[in-house]
């Protein structure tokens, strides 16, 4: 399952939602992957949750 997110520099990237381990708001939204990699994105935790739910319902 691939979702599109926006990094802080306005670059849009596609991420594998199945590889996400957890998402924190600190207040920036930090996505942590199972590989140990972390990225900071503009979308909120709730927006990511909605993207994943929307994708699963299609």
C-alpha atoms as a PDB file:
ATOM      1  CA  UNK A   1       0.000   0.000   0.000  1.00  0.00           C
ATOM      2  CA  UNK A   2       1.629   3.220  -1.193  1.00  0.00           C
ATOM      3  CA  UNK A   3       0.621   6.668   0.117  1.00  0.00           C
ATOM      4  CA  UNK A   4       1.867  10.124  -0.855  1.00  0.00           C
ATOM      5  CA  UNK A   5       3.247  12.435   1.840  1.00  0.00           C
ATOM      6  CA  UNK A   6       4.969  15.828   1.827  1.00  0.00           C
ATOM      7  CA  UNK A   7       8.379  16.426   3.382  1.00  0.00           C
ATOM      8  CA  UNK A   8       9.075  19.764   5.090  1.00  0.00           C
ATOM      9  CA  UNK A   9      10.847  21.065   1.960  1.00  0.00           C
ATOM     10  CA  UNK A  10       7.566  20.549  -0.001  1.00  0.00           C
ATOM     11  CA  UNK A  11       8.911  17.473  -1.805  1.00  0.00           C
ATOM     12  CA  UNK A  12       6.183  14.905  -2.371  1.00  0.00           C
ATOM     13  CA  UNK A  13       7.253  11.295  -1.846  1.00  0.00           C
ATOM     14  CA  UNK A  14       5.574   7.924  -1.951  1.00  0.00           C
ATOM     15  CA  UNK A  15       5.952   5.647   1.052  1.00  0.00           C
ATOM     16  CA  UNK A  16       4.990   2.063   1.698  1.00  0.00           C
ATOM     17  CA  UNK A  17       2.421   2.347   4.489  1.00  0.00           C
ATOM     18  CA  UNK A  18       2.990  -1.308   5.393  1.00  0.00           C
ATOM     19  CA  UNK A  19       6.586  -0.424   6.348  1.00  0.00           C
ATOM     20  CA  UNK A  20       5.529   2.244   8.867  1.00  0.00           C
ATOM     21  CA  UNK A  21       6.166   1.219  12.447  1.00  0.00           C
ATOM     22  CA  UNK A  22       4.699   4.291  14.150  1.00  0.00           C
ATOM     23  CA  UNK A  23       3.895   7.969  13.712  1.00  0.00           C
ATOM     24  CA  UNK A  24       4.500  10.650  16.360  1.00  0.00           C
ATOM     25  CA  UNK A  25       3.529  14.308  16.524  1.00  0.00           C
ATOM     26  CA  UNK A  26       6.237  16.157  18.468  1.00  0.00           C
ATOM     27  CA  UNK A  27       4.760  18.716  17.210  1.00  0.00           C
ATOM     28  CA  UNK A  28       6.221  17.845  13.780  1.00  0.00           C
ATOM     29  CA  UNK A  29       4.918  14.575  12.374  1.00  0.00           C
ATOM     30  CA  UNK A  30       7.678  11.971  12.482  1.00  0.00           C
ATOM     31  CA  UNK A  31       7.178   8.720  10.584  1.00  0.00           C
ATOM     32  CA  UNK A  32       9.306   5.828  11.807  1.00  0.00           C
ATOM     33  CA  UNK A  33       9.801   2.830   9.551  1.00  0.00           C
ATOM     34  CA  UNK A  34      10.593  -0.744  10.493  1.00  0.00           C
ATOM     35  CA  UNK A  35      14.019  -0.273   8.890  1.00  0.00           C
ATOM     36  CA  UNK A  36      14.861   2.364  11.507  1.00  0.00           C
ATOM     37  CA  UNK A  37      14.626   5.259   9.040  1.00  0.00           C
ATOM     38  CA  UNK A  38      12.695   8.359  10.117  1.00  0.00           C
ATOM     39  CA  UNK A  39      11.220  11.186   8.072  1.00  0.00           C
ATOM     40  CA  UNK A  40       9.470  14.389   9.093  1.00  0.00           C
ATOM     41  CA  UNK A  41       6.375  15.247   7.086  1.00  0.00           C
ATOM     42  CA  UNK A  42       3.818  18.058   6.864  1.00  0.00           C
ATOM     43  CA  UNK A  43       0.728  15.873   7.142  1.00  0.00           C
ATOM     44  CA  UNK A  44      -0.698  15.211  10.588  1.00  0.00           C
ATOM     45  CA  UNK A  45      -0.935  11.783  12.178  1.00  0.00           C
ATOM     46  CA  UNK A  46      -4.694  11.892  11.602  1.00  0.00           C
ATOM     47  CA  UNK A  47      -4.262  12.737   7.903  1.00  0.00           C
ATOM     48  CA  UNK A  48      -1.981   9.715   7.461  1.00  0.00           C
ATOM     49  CA  UNK A  49      -4.482   7.533   9.279  1.00  0.00           C
ATOM     50  CA  UNK A  50      -7.231   8.779   6.943  1.00  0.00           C
ATOM     51  CA  UNK A  51      -5.078   8.128   3.846  1.00  0.00           C
ATOM     52  CA  UNK A  52      -4.450   4.548   4.937  1.00  0.00           C
ATOM     53  CA  UNK A  53      -8.128   3.972   5.780  1.00  0.00           C
ATOM     54  CA  UNK A  54      -9.202   5.453   2.454  1.00  0.00           C
ATOM     55  CA  UNK A  55      -6.766   3.254   0.559  1.00  0.00           C
ATOM     56  CA  UNK A  56      -7.953   0.142   2.389  1.00  0.00           C
ATOM     57  CA  UNK A  57     -11.620   0.924   1.601  1.00  0.00           C
ATOM     58  CA  UNK A  58     -11.002   1.226  -2.168  1.00  0.00           C
END
